Amino acid sequence: MAFTGSTGPVVLPVNYTIHRGNVVFRTRLGGSIGEGALESATTMIGFEVDHIDEARREGWSVLIQGPACPVAPDELPVPGLEPWPGGDRGLYIRIVPRHITGRRIHGF
């Protein structure tokens, strides 16, 4: 996922799930994502998912852009979303898709 932080562009890996048509991931309170991505309700987030098959020299890429906001407490917990990093990841963030693009990459 990518957003503009206090020092410029920030790109960080996250594990995610699709929940009620939105991209949802977990992070820690007070971390760079929680602070930077949620500065205002109009902050746009970029979220990209790729798959590459090196043997076949092909793949695909999807880019989702939209505002980020915390998941409402009445929707917690979001099923199927366990963070890979250790520590407390109690902040659930939702990216509401506003623009979705994708492409396929084909080998020679």
Protein backbone atom coordinates (compact mmCIF):
# COMPACT_ATOMS: atom_id res chain seq x y z
CA MET A 1 0.00 0.00 0.00
CA ALA A 2 1.18 3.53 -0.68
CA PHE A 3 0.34 6.92 0.75
CA THR A 4 1.93 10.32 1.20
CA GLY A 5 3.52 10.54 4.65
CA SER A 6 4.96 13.53 6.48
CA THR A 7 8.31 13.14 4.65
CA GLY A 8 6.95 12.12 1.24
CA PRO A 9 5.76 8.95 -0.49
CA VAL A 10 5.58 5.80 1.66
CA VAL A 11 5.15 2.26 0.29
CA LEU A 12 4.71 -0.59 2.76
CA PRO A 13 3.76 -4.26 2.43
CA VAL A 14 0.62 -5.43 4.23
CA ASN A 15 -1.33 -8.65 4.38
CA TYR A 16 -4.99 -8.06 3.67
CA THR A 17 -8.44 -9.46 3.09
CA ILE A 18 -11.46 -8.35 1.11
CA HIS A 19 -14.34 -7.61 3.49
CA ARG A 20 -17.72 -6.30 2.32
CA GLY A 21 -16.19 -5.10 -0.95
CA ASN A 22 -13.32 -3.21 0.69
CA VAL A 23 -9.65 -3.97 1.23
CA VAL A 24 -8.92 -4.38 4.95
CA PHE A 25 -5.59 -4.76 6.73
CA ARG A 26 -4.34 -4.52 10.30
CA THR A 27 -1.60 -2.34 11.71
CA ARG A 28 -0.49 -1.01 15.04
CA LEU A 29 -1.83 2.11 16.70
CA GLY A 30 0.65 4.97 16.41
CA GLY A 31 2.59 3.35 13.56
CA SER A 32 3.47 5.04 10.29
CA ILE A 33 0.44 3.61 8.49
CA GLY A 34 -2.01 4.47 11.26
CA GLU A 35 -0.76 8.03 11.50
CA GLY A 36 0.07 8.79 7.87
CA ALA A 37 -2.73 6.98 6.10
CA LEU A 38 -5.47 8.39 8.30
CA GLU A 39 -4.48 12.05 8.43
CA SER A 40 -7.82 13.07 6.93
CA ALA A 41 -10.94 11.49 5.50
CA THR A 42 -9.81 12.51 2.02
CA THR A 43 -6.38 10.83 2.15
CA MET A 44 -6.08 8.61 -0.91
CA ILE A 45 -4.34 5.26 -0.56
CA GLY A 46 -2.83 3.19 -3.34
CA PHE A 47 -3.03 -0.57 -2.92
CA GLU A 48 -1.40 -2.93 -5.42
CA VAL A 49 -1.52 -6.70 -5.75
CA ASP A 50 0.68 -8.54 -8.24
CA HIS A 51 1.30 -12.10 -9.35
CA ILE A 52 4.25 -13.16 -11.45
CA ASP A 53 4.81 -16.60 -12.99
CA GLU A 54 8.52 -16.47 -13.80
CA ALA A 55 8.56 -19.82 -15.59
CA ARG A 56 5.85 -18.71 -18.03
CA ARG A 57 7.01 -15.07 -18.09
CA GLU A 58 3.56 -13.72 -17.41
CA GLY A 59 1.57 -12.19 -14.61
CA TRP A 60 -0.97 -9.60 -13.61
CA SER A 61 -1.22 -6.46 -11.51
CA VAL A 62 -4.23 -4.71 -9.95
CA LEU A 63 -4.17 -1.19 -8.50
CA ILE A 64 -6.92 0.00 -6.17
CA GLN A 65 -7.12 3.65 -5.15
CA GLY A 66 -9.44 5.08 -2.53
CA PRO A 67 -9.77 6.73 0.87
CA ALA A 68 -8.75 4.92 4.04
CA CYS A 69 -10.59 4.90 7.35
CA PRO A 70 -10.68 2.78 10.50
CA VAL A 71 -13.07 -0.19 10.50
CA ALA A 72 -16.03 0.49 12.77
CA PRO A 73 -15.92 -1.38 16.11
CA ASP A 74 -19.25 -3.09 15.38
CA GLU A 75 -17.64 -4.79 12.34
CA LEU A 76 -14.75 -6.32 14.31
CA PRO A 77 -13.13 -8.73 14.12
CA VAL A 78 -12.76 -9.04 10.37
CA PRO A 79 -12.55 -12.79 9.62
CA GLY A 80 -9.48 -14.23 7.92
CA LEU A 81 -7.12 -11.39 8.73
CA GLU A 82 -4.09 -12.30 10.79
CA PRO A 83 -1.07 -9.98 10.54
CA TRP A 84 2.31 -11.52 9.76
CA PRO A 85 4.44 -9.17 11.88
CA GLY A 86 4.56 -9.67 15.62
CA GLY A 87 3.21 -7.28 18.19
CA ASP A 88 -0.20 -5.75 18.67
CA ARG A 89 -1.94 -4.96 15.38
CA GLY A 90 -5.25 -3.74 16.80
CA LEU A 91 -6.00 -1.04 14.23
CA TYR A 92 -8.07 -2.31 11.29
CA ILE A 93 -7.98 -0.02 8.26
CA ARG A 94 -10.42 -0.15 5.35
CA ILE A 95 -9.61 1.09 1.85
CA VAL A 96 -12.81 1.94 -0.02
CA PRO A 97 -12.17 1.31 -3.74
CA ARG A 98 -12.89 4.39 -5.84
CA HIS A 99 -10.73 3.55 -8.84
CA ILE A 100 -9.55 0.08 -9.93
CA THR A 101 -7.19 -0.65 -12.81
CA GLY A 102 -5.35 -3.77 -13.85
CA ARG A 103 -3.17 -5.27 -16.49
CA ARG A 104 -1.88 -8.62 -17.66
CA ILE A 105 1.71 -9.18 -18.61
CA HIS A 106 2.39 -11.81 -21.28
CA GLY A 107 5.77 -13.37 -22.09
CA PHE A 108 7.29 -13.60 -25.53
